[in-house]
């Protein structure tokens, strides 16, 4: 298995497309505008099977102040969103490879990239496996669960901080 991180502008068009395809396939992000959001990320993290198949992705994002304020407000967090430099997100393992704790490797790489900085992440409240992984790596729930802003979905998100 091969794992690496790259700045989006160092990625090929094929890598960007494959990253986006896997994230969209998971169904947890708004596809509209995703390419621009991916290209604004600090780092994209890729996990490849030995045969060259992409099996997992994650990103270290540098969110704008307005977005951070909105997330922390929705979660009713008492923390100052401006003190958090990075968001870890788009952690996706292809469904055929789930249950093997591979998200741990992606989160570990993301935390190495953000070492020395405060980070946050949001996770579906009913995604118990990812919540457990977050806690294992020192990201702890903060505030209260809040409804997703996606109009086509009905679930709550939990804010995690480290």
N, C-alpha and C. Protein backbone atom coordinates (compact mmCIF):
# COMPACT_ATOMS: atom_id res chain seq x y z
N UNK A 1 0.84 -1.18 0.00
CA UNK A 1 0.00 0.00 0.00
C UNK A 1 0.89 1.25 0.00
N UNK A 2 0.50 2.22 -0.82
CA UNK A 2 1.28 3.44 -0.96
C UNK A 2 0.43 4.61 -0.45
N UNK A 3 1.04 5.48 0.40
CA UNK A 3 0.34 6.64 0.94
C UNK A 3 1.22 7.86 0.75
N UNK A 4 0.61 8.97 0.34
CA UNK A 4 1.37 10.21 0.25
C UNK A 4 0.42 11.40 0.28
N UNK A 5 1.00 12.56 0.55
CA UNK A 5 0.23 13.80 0.52
C UNK A 5 0.89 14.76 -0.46
N UNK A 6 0.07 15.59 -1.06
CA UNK A 6 0.56 16.57 -2.03
C UNK A 6 -0.28 17.83 -1.94
N UNK A 7 0.32 18.95 -2.28
CA UNK A 7 -0.45 20.17 -2.45
C UNK A 7 -1.28 19.99 -3.73
N UNK A 8 -2.49 20.51 -3.76
CA UNK A 8 -3.34 20.30 -4.94
C UNK A 8 -2.68 20.74 -6.25
N UNK A 9 -1.93 21.84 -6.23
CA UNK A 9 -1.31 22.31 -7.47
C UNK A 9 -0.17 21.40 -7.93
N UNK A 10 0.27 20.47 -7.07
CA UNK A 10 1.28 19.49 -7.47
C UNK A 10 0.64 18.20 -7.98
N UNK A 11 -0.67 18.09 -7.88
CA UNK A 11 -1.39 16.89 -8.32
C UNK A 11 -1.69 16.98 -9.82
N UNK A 12 -1.71 15.83 -10.45
CA UNK A 12 -2.12 15.78 -11.85
C UNK A 12 -3.64 15.95 -11.92
N UNK A 13 -4.14 16.25 -13.10
CA UNK A 13 -5.59 16.35 -13.30
C UNK A 13 -6.26 15.03 -12.97
N UNK A 14 -5.58 13.94 -13.28
CA UNK A 14 -6.13 12.60 -13.01
C UNK A 14 -6.24 12.37 -11.50
N UNK A 15 -5.20 12.76 -10.74
CA UNK A 15 -5.26 12.61 -9.29
C UNK A 15 -6.42 13.42 -8.70
N UNK A 16 -6.58 14.66 -9.15
CA UNK A 16 -7.67 15.51 -8.66
C UNK A 16 -9.02 14.85 -8.98
N UNK A 17 -9.17 14.37 -10.21
CA UNK A 17 -10.43 13.74 -10.61
C UNK A 17 -10.70 12.49 -9.79
N UNK A 18 -9.69 11.66 -9.59
CA UNK A 18 -9.87 10.44 -8.81
C UNK A 18 -10.21 10.76 -7.35
N UNK A 19 -9.54 11.77 -6.79
CA UNK A 19 -9.84 12.21 -5.43
C UNK A 19 -11.32 12.61 -5.35
N UNK A 20 -11.75 13.48 -6.26
CA UNK A 20 -13.13 13.96 -6.25
C UNK A 20 -14.13 12.84 -6.46
N UNK A 21 -13.83 11.94 -7.38
CA UNK A 21 -14.74 10.82 -7.66
C UNK A 21 -14.99 9.99 -6.41
N UNK A 22 -13.92 9.72 -5.65
CA UNK A 22 -14.08 8.90 -4.45
C UNK A 22 -14.88 9.65 -3.38
N UNK A 23 -14.62 10.94 -3.24
CA UNK A 23 -15.36 11.75 -2.26
C UNK A 23 -16.83 11.84 -2.65
N UNK A 24 -17.11 12.09 -3.90
CA UNK A 24 -18.49 12.18 -4.37
C UNK A 24 -19.21 10.85 -4.22
N UNK A 25 -18.51 9.77 -4.54
CA UNK A 25 -19.10 8.43 -4.43
C UNK A 25 -19.56 8.14 -3.00
N UNK A 26 -18.86 8.68 -2.02
CA UNK A 26 -19.23 8.46 -0.62
C UNK A 26 -20.53 9.18 -0.26
N UNK A 27 -20.89 10.20 -1.04
CA UNK A 27 -22.17 10.86 -0.87
C UNK A 27 -22.29 11.80 0.32
N UNK A 28 -21.17 12.27 0.85
CA UNK A 28 -21.25 13.10 2.05
C UNK A 28 -20.86 14.55 1.84
N UNK A 29 -20.62 14.93 0.61
CA UNK A 29 -20.31 16.33 0.33
C UNK A 29 -21.14 16.81 -0.86
N UNK A 30 -21.31 18.10 -0.91
CA UNK A 30 -22.01 18.73 -2.03
C UNK A 30 -21.08 18.70 -3.23
N UNK A 31 -21.45 18.00 -4.32
CA UNK A 31 -20.57 17.92 -5.48
C UNK A 31 -20.35 19.28 -6.16
N UNK A 32 -21.35 20.12 -6.13
CA UNK A 32 -21.22 21.42 -6.79
C UNK A 32 -20.15 22.26 -6.10
N UNK A 33 -19.18 22.69 -6.86
CA UNK A 33 -18.10 23.50 -6.32
C UNK A 33 -16.98 22.70 -5.66
N UNK A 34 -17.10 21.37 -5.68
CA UNK A 34 -16.10 20.55 -5.00
C UNK A 34 -14.71 20.73 -5.61
N UNK A 35 -14.63 20.81 -6.91
CA UNK A 35 -13.30 20.93 -7.53
C UNK A 35 -12.57 22.18 -7.02
N UNK A 36 -13.27 23.29 -6.92
CA UNK A 36 -12.64 24.51 -6.39
C UNK A 36 -12.21 24.32 -4.94
N UNK A 37 -13.05 23.67 -4.15
CA UNK A 37 -12.72 23.44 -2.74
C UNK A 37 -11.51 22.52 -2.62
N UNK A 38 -11.46 21.49 -3.45
CA UNK A 38 -10.33 20.55 -3.43
C UNK A 38 -9.04 21.29 -3.80
N UNK A 39 -9.11 22.12 -4.81
CA UNK A 39 -7.92 22.84 -5.26
C UNK A 39 -7.44 23.88 -4.25
N UNK A 40 -8.32 24.31 -3.33
CA UNK A 40 -7.93 25.27 -2.29
C UNK A 40 -7.39 24.58 -1.03
N UNK A 41 -7.45 23.26 -0.99
CA UNK A 41 -6.97 22.54 0.20
C UNK A 41 -5.48 22.77 0.40
N UNK A 42 -5.07 22.63 1.64
CA UNK A 42 -3.64 22.73 1.97
C UNK A 42 -2.89 21.52 1.42
N UNK A 43 -3.43 20.33 1.72
CA UNK A 43 -2.82 19.07 1.25
C UNK A 43 -3.93 18.06 0.96
N UNK A 44 -3.70 17.26 -0.06
CA UNK A 44 -4.56 16.12 -0.36
C UNK A 44 -3.77 14.87 -0.03
N UNK A 45 -4.44 13.92 0.58
CA UNK A 45 -3.79 12.68 1.01
C UNK A 45 -4.41 11.52 0.22
N UNK A 46 -3.54 10.69 -0.33
CA UNK A 46 -3.96 9.57 -1.16
C UNK A 46 -3.45 8.26 -0.57
N UNK A 47 -4.27 7.22 -0.69
CA UNK A 47 -3.89 5.87 -0.31
C UNK A 47 -4.20 4.96 -1.49
N UNK A 48 -3.17 4.29 -1.98
CA UNK A 48 -3.29 3.45 -3.17
C UNK A 48 -3.04 1.98 -2.83
N UNK A 49 -3.78 1.11 -3.44
CA UNK A 49 -3.53 -0.32 -3.37
C UNK A 49 -2.29 -0.59 -4.22
N UNK A 50 -1.61 -1.68 -3.97
CA UNK A 50 -0.39 -2.01 -4.72
C UNK A 50 -0.63 -2.12 -6.23
N UNK A 51 -1.87 -2.44 -6.61
CA UNK A 51 -2.20 -2.55 -8.03
C UNK A 51 -2.52 -1.20 -8.68
N UNK A 52 -2.36 -0.09 -7.93
CA UNK A 52 -2.60 1.24 -8.47
C UNK A 52 -4.01 1.75 -8.30
N UNK A 53 -4.84 1.00 -7.58
CA UNK A 53 -6.21 1.42 -7.35
C UNK A 53 -6.28 2.37 -6.15
N UNK A 54 -6.98 3.49 -6.31
CA UNK A 54 -7.16 4.44 -5.22
C UNK A 54 -8.18 3.88 -4.24
N UNK A 55 -7.77 3.72 -2.97
CA UNK A 55 -8.69 3.13 -2.00
C UNK A 55 -9.07 4.09 -0.87
N UNK A 56 -8.36 5.22 -0.75
CA UNK A 56 -8.72 6.15 0.30
C UNK A 56 -8.14 7.53 0.07
N UNK A 57 -8.84 8.53 0.59
CA UNK A 57 -8.38 9.92 0.48
C UNK A 57 -8.74 10.68 1.75
N UNK A 58 -8.06 11.80 1.92
CA UNK A 58 -8.37 12.74 3.00
C UNK A 58 -7.77 14.08 2.59
N UNK A 59 -8.12 15.12 3.34
CA UNK A 59 -7.56 16.43 3.03
C UNK A 59 -7.31 17.22 4.30
N UNK A 60 -6.31 18.05 4.23
CA UNK A 60 -6.09 19.08 5.23
C UNK A 60 -6.51 20.37 4.54
N UNK A 61 -7.54 21.00 5.10
CA UNK A 61 -8.09 22.21 4.49
C UNK A 61 -7.76 23.42 5.36
N UNK A 62 -7.66 24.57 4.71
CA UNK A 62 -7.45 25.82 5.41
C UNK A 62 -8.73 26.65 5.21
N UNK A 63 -9.73 26.42 6.07
CA UNK A 63 -11.03 27.06 5.87
C UNK A 63 -11.00 28.57 6.15
N UNK A 64 -11.89 29.29 5.49
CA UNK A 64 -11.97 30.72 5.73
C UNK A 64 -12.68 31.01 7.06
N UNK A 65 -12.52 32.22 7.54
CA UNK A 65 -13.04 32.60 8.85
C UNK A 65 -14.56 32.50 8.93
N UNK A 66 -15.24 32.89 7.86
CA UNK A 66 -16.71 32.85 7.85
C UNK A 66 -17.22 31.41 8.03
N UNK A 67 -16.60 30.48 7.31
CA UNK A 67 -16.99 29.07 7.41
C UNK A 67 -16.74 28.54 8.82
N UNK A 68 -15.54 28.83 9.37
CA UNK A 68 -15.22 28.35 10.72
C UNK A 68 -16.22 28.90 11.73
N UNK A 69 -16.52 30.17 11.63
CA UNK A 69 -17.46 30.79 12.56
C UNK A 69 -18.83 30.13 12.48
N UNK A 70 -19.27 29.83 11.25
CA UNK A 70 -20.58 29.19 11.05
C UNK A 70 -20.61 27.79 11.68
N UNK A 71 -19.55 27.00 11.45
CA UNK A 71 -19.50 25.63 11.99
C UNK A 71 -19.49 25.66 13.52
N UNK A 72 -18.64 26.49 14.10
CA UNK A 72 -18.53 26.55 15.56
C UNK A 72 -19.82 27.08 16.19
N UNK A 73 -20.46 28.01 15.50
CA UNK A 73 -21.73 28.56 15.99
C UNK A 73 -22.83 27.49 15.96
N UNK A 74 -22.94 26.78 14.84
CA UNK A 74 -23.95 25.73 14.74
C UNK A 74 -23.75 24.67 15.82
N UNK A 75 -22.49 24.36 16.12
CA UNK A 75 -22.18 23.35 17.14
C UNK A 75 -22.29 23.92 18.56
N UNK A 76 -22.55 25.21 18.66
CA UNK A 76 -22.62 25.89 19.96
C UNK A 76 -21.33 25.69 20.76
N UNK A 77 -20.21 25.73 20.04
CA UNK A 77 -18.91 25.58 20.68
C UNK A 77 -18.53 26.88 21.37
N UNK A 78 -17.90 26.75 22.51
CA UNK A 78 -17.41 27.92 23.26
C UNK A 78 -15.99 28.31 22.81
N UNK A 79 -15.38 27.48 21.97
CA UNK A 79 -14.01 27.73 21.50
C UNK A 79 -13.99 28.84 20.44
N UNK A 80 -12.86 29.51 20.33
CA UNK A 80 -12.68 30.56 19.34
C UNK A 80 -12.30 29.94 18.00
N UNK A 81 -13.17 30.02 17.00
CA UNK A 81 -12.86 29.38 15.71
C UNK A 81 -11.62 29.96 15.05
N UNK A 82 -11.29 31.20 15.34
CA UNK A 82 -10.11 31.82 14.71
C UNK A 82 -8.81 31.17 15.16
N UNK A 83 -8.84 30.47 16.28
CA UNK A 83 -7.61 29.85 16.78
C UNK A 83 -7.33 28.49 16.11
N UNK A 84 -8.23 28.05 15.24
CA UNK A 84 -8.07 26.76 14.55
C UNK A 84 -7.64 27.02 13.11
N UNK A 85 -6.42 26.61 12.80
CA UNK A 85 -5.83 26.89 11.49
C UNK A 85 -6.33 25.96 10.39
N UNK A 86 -6.59 24.70 10.76
CA UNK A 86 -6.88 23.70 9.74
C UNK A 86 -8.13 22.90 10.06
N UNK A 87 -8.75 22.39 9.01
CA UNK A 87 -9.84 21.43 9.11
C UNK A 87 -9.38 20.15 8.42
N UNK A 88 -9.63 19.04 9.05
CA UNK A 88 -9.35 17.74 8.43
C UNK A 88 -10.68 17.21 7.91
N UNK A 89 -10.69 16.84 6.66
CA UNK A 89 -11.95 16.39 6.09
C UNK A 89 -11.79 15.50 4.89
N UNK A 90 -12.94 15.16 4.32
CA UNK A 90 -13.01 14.30 3.15
C UNK A 90 -12.25 13.00 3.37
N UNK A 91 -12.33 12.47 4.59
CA UNK A 91 -11.72 11.16 4.85
C UNK A 91 -12.67 10.10 4.32
N UNK A 92 -12.25 9.44 3.27
CA UNK A 92 -13.11 8.46 2.61
C UNK A 92 -12.28 7.23 2.29
N UNK A 93 -12.81 6.08 2.65
CA UNK A 93 -12.25 4.80 2.25
C UNK A 93 -13.25 4.15 1.31
N UNK A 94 -12.79 3.69 0.16
CA UNK A 94 -13.68 3.00 -0.77
C UNK A 94 -14.41 1.89 -0.01
N UNK A 95 -15.70 1.78 -0.26
CA UNK A 95 -16.53 0.85 0.53
C UNK A 95 -16.02 -0.59 0.51
N UNK A 96 -15.32 -0.99 -0.54
CA UNK A 96 -14.79 -2.35 -0.60
C UNK A 96 -13.66 -2.60 0.38
N UNK A 97 -13.08 -1.52 0.92
CA UNK A 97 -11.92 -1.65 1.80
C UNK A 97 -12.22 -1.22 3.23
N UNK A 98 -13.48 -0.92 3.50
CA UNK A 98 -13.84 -0.46 4.85
C UNK A 98 -13.76 -1.60 5.85
N UNK A 99 -13.65 -1.24 7.12
CA UNK A 99 -13.57 -2.22 8.18
C UNK A 99 -12.14 -2.69 8.46
N UNK A 100 -11.17 -2.09 7.79
CA UNK A 100 -9.77 -2.48 7.96
C UNK A 100 -8.97 -1.41 8.71
N UNK A 101 -9.67 -0.43 9.27
CA UNK A 101 -9.04 0.67 10.04
C UNK A 101 -8.11 1.53 9.19
N UNK A 102 -8.36 1.62 7.90
CA UNK A 102 -7.49 2.39 7.01
C UNK A 102 -7.64 3.90 7.22
N UNK A 103 -8.80 4.33 7.72
CA UNK A 103 -8.97 5.76 7.98
C UNK A 103 -7.98 6.24 9.03
N UNK A 104 -7.51 5.34 9.88
CA UNK A 104 -6.51 5.71 10.88
C UNK A 104 -5.24 6.22 10.20
N UNK A 105 -4.81 5.54 9.16
CA UNK A 105 -3.60 5.95 8.45
C UNK A 105 -3.77 7.33 7.83
N UNK A 106 -4.95 7.58 7.25
CA UNK A 106 -5.20 8.88 6.63
C UNK A 106 -5.23 10.00 7.68
N UNK A 107 -5.91 9.74 8.80
CA UNK A 107 -5.98 10.74 9.86
C UNK A 107 -4.60 10.98 10.46
N UNK A 108 -3.83 9.93 10.62
CA UNK A 108 -2.48 10.07 11.16
C UNK A 108 -1.62 10.98 10.26
N UNK A 109 -1.69 10.78 8.97
CA UNK A 109 -0.93 11.63 8.03
C UNK A 109 -1.41 13.07 8.14
N UNK A 110 -2.72 13.27 8.19
CA UNK A 110 -3.27 14.63 8.30
C UNK A 110 -2.78 15.31 9.57
N UNK A 111 -2.74 14.58 10.67
CA UNK A 111 -2.29 15.17 11.93
C UNK A 111 -0.80 15.46 11.92
N UNK A 112 -0.03 14.67 11.21
CA UNK A 112 1.40 14.97 11.06
C UNK A 112 1.59 16.28 10.29
N UNK A 113 0.77 16.48 9.26
CA UNK A 113 0.84 17.71 8.46
C UNK A 113 0.49 18.93 9.31
N UNK A 114 -0.47 18.78 10.22
CA UNK A 114 -0.98 19.92 11.00
C UNK A 114 -0.32 20.03 12.37
N UNK A 115 0.69 19.23 12.62
CA UNK A 115 1.33 19.21 13.94
C UNK A 115 1.69 20.63 14.40
N UNK A 116 1.35 20.91 15.65
CA UNK A 116 1.63 22.22 16.23
C UNK A 116 0.52 23.23 16.02
N UNK A 117 -0.53 22.84 15.31
CA UNK A 117 -1.66 23.73 15.05
C UNK A 117 -2.94 23.11 15.60
N UNK A 118 -3.87 23.98 15.98
CA UNK A 118 -5.20 23.50 16.37
C UNK A 118 -5.95 23.12 15.11
N UNK A 119 -6.67 22.00 15.18
CA UNK A 119 -7.44 21.52 14.04
C UNK A 119 -8.85 21.14 14.48
N UNK A 120 -9.74 21.13 13.49
CA UNK A 120 -11.09 20.65 13.74
C UNK A 120 -11.53 19.76 12.60
N UNK A 121 -12.57 19.01 12.87
CA UNK A 121 -13.18 18.14 11.86
C UNK A 121 -14.65 18.01 12.21
N UNK A 122 -15.45 17.70 11.23
CA UNK A 122 -16.85 17.36 11.50
C UNK A 122 -17.09 15.95 10.97
N UNK A 123 -17.92 15.24 11.68
CA UNK A 123 -18.22 13.86 11.34
C UNK A 123 -19.70 13.62 11.57
N UNK A 124 -20.32 12.84 10.68
CA UNK A 124 -21.71 12.47 10.90
C UNK A 124 -21.84 11.85 12.30
N UNK A 125 -22.84 12.25 13.01
CA UNK A 125 -23.06 11.75 14.37
C UNK A 125 -23.29 10.24 14.37
N UNK A 126 -23.86 9.72 13.31
CA UNK A 126 -24.11 8.27 13.25
C UNK A 126 -22.94 7.48 12.64
N UNK A 127 -21.84 8.15 12.33
CA UNK A 127 -20.65 7.45 11.82
C UNK A 127 -19.76 7.09 13.02
N UNK A 128 -20.17 6.05 13.73
CA UNK A 128 -19.50 5.68 14.98
C UNK A 128 -18.05 5.27 14.77
N UNK A 129 -17.75 4.64 13.65
CA UNK A 129 -16.37 4.22 13.39
C UNK A 129 -15.44 5.43 13.27
N UNK A 130 -15.87 6.45 12.52
CA UNK A 130 -15.02 7.63 12.37
C UNK A 130 -14.95 8.42 13.67
N UNK A 131 -16.03 8.45 14.42
CA UNK A 131 -16.00 9.14 15.71
C UNK A 131 -14.98 8.46 16.63
N UNK A 132 -14.97 7.15 16.62
CA UNK A 132 -14.02 6.40 17.44
C UNK A 132 -12.58 6.68 16.99
N UNK A 133 -12.36 6.73 15.68
CA UNK A 133 -11.03 7.03 15.14
C UNK A 133 -10.60 8.43 15.55
N UNK A 134 -11.51 9.39 15.42
CA UNK A 134 -11.19 10.76 15.84
C UNK A 134 -10.71 10.79 17.29
N UNK A 135 -11.46 10.15 18.16
CA UNK A 135 -11.12 10.15 19.59
C UNK A 135 -9.78 9.45 19.84
N UNK A 136 -9.53 8.37 19.11
CA UNK A 136 -8.28 7.63 19.25
C UNK A 136 -7.08 8.54 18.97
N UNK A 137 -7.26 9.49 18.05
CA UNK A 137 -6.17 10.38 17.66
C UNK A 137 -6.24 11.76 18.33
N UNK A 138 -7.03 11.85 19.39
CA UNK A 138 -7.04 13.08 20.18
C UNK A 138 -7.97 14.17 19.70
N UNK A 139 -8.82 13.88 18.75
CA UNK A 139 -9.86 14.84 18.36
C UNK A 139 -11.09 14.51 19.20
N UNK A 140 -11.53 15.48 19.98
CA UNK A 140 -12.62 15.23 20.91
C UNK A 140 -13.86 16.02 20.53
N UNK A 141 -15.05 15.43 20.78
CA UNK A 141 -16.29 16.14 20.45
C UNK A 141 -16.37 17.44 21.24
N UNK A 142 -16.97 18.44 20.61
CA UNK A 142 -17.10 19.74 21.24
C UNK A 142 -18.46 20.32 20.86
N UNK A 143 -19.10 20.97 21.81
CA UNK A 143 -20.40 21.56 21.53
C UNK A 143 -21.47 20.50 21.43
N UNK A 144 -22.45 20.78 20.57
CA UNK A 144 -23.59 19.88 20.40
C UNK A 144 -23.72 19.48 18.94
N UNK A 145 -24.25 18.27 18.68
CA UNK A 145 -24.51 17.89 17.30
C UNK A 145 -25.48 18.89 16.66
N UNK A 146 -25.32 19.09 15.35
CA UNK A 146 -26.18 20.03 14.63
C UNK A 146 -26.52 19.45 13.26
N UNK A 147 -27.68 19.86 12.69
CA UNK A 147 -28.10 19.31 11.40
C UNK A 147 -27.19 19.76 10.26
N UNK A 148 -26.97 18.86 9.33
CA UNK A 148 -26.20 19.21 8.13
C UNK A 148 -26.93 20.30 7.37
N UNK A 149 -26.18 21.10 6.64
CA UNK A 149 -26.80 22.15 5.83
C UNK A 149 -27.18 21.63 4.44
N UNK A 150 -26.82 20.38 4.15
CA UNK A 150 -27.19 19.80 2.86
C UNK A 150 -28.69 19.59 2.78
N UNK A 151 -29.28 20.15 1.78
CA UNK A 151 -30.74 20.08 1.63
C UNK A 151 -31.23 18.66 1.30
N UNK A 152 -30.39 17.87 0.67
CA UNK A 152 -30.80 16.53 0.25
C UNK A 152 -30.47 15.45 1.27
N UNK A 153 -30.03 15.85 2.46
CA UNK A 153 -29.64 14.88 3.50
C UNK A 153 -30.30 15.22 4.82
N UNK A 154 -30.45 14.21 5.65
CA UNK A 154 -31.06 14.39 6.97
C UNK A 154 -30.20 13.67 8.01
N UNK A 155 -29.16 14.34 8.47
CA UNK A 155 -28.32 13.79 9.52
C UNK A 155 -27.68 14.93 10.28
N UNK A 156 -27.14 14.60 11.44
CA UNK A 156 -26.45 15.59 12.27
C UNK A 156 -24.95 15.40 12.15
N UNK A 157 -24.24 16.49 12.41
CA UNK A 157 -22.78 16.49 12.42
C UNK A 157 -22.29 16.79 13.83
N UNK A 158 -21.13 16.24 14.16
CA UNK A 158 -20.48 16.52 15.44
C UNK A 158 -19.16 17.21 15.14
N UNK A 159 -18.87 18.26 15.87
CA UNK A 159 -17.61 18.99 15.75
C UNK A 159 -16.58 18.33 16.64
N UNK A 160 -15.40 18.07 16.08
CA UNK A 160 -14.28 17.50 16.84
C UNK A 160 -13.12 18.48 16.81
N UNK A 161 -12.44 18.62 17.94
CA UNK A 161 -11.33 19.57 18.06
C UNK A 161 -10.09 18.89 18.61
N UNK A 162 -8.95 19.41 18.16
CA UNK A 162 -7.65 18.98 18.72
C UNK A 162 -6.75 20.19 18.76
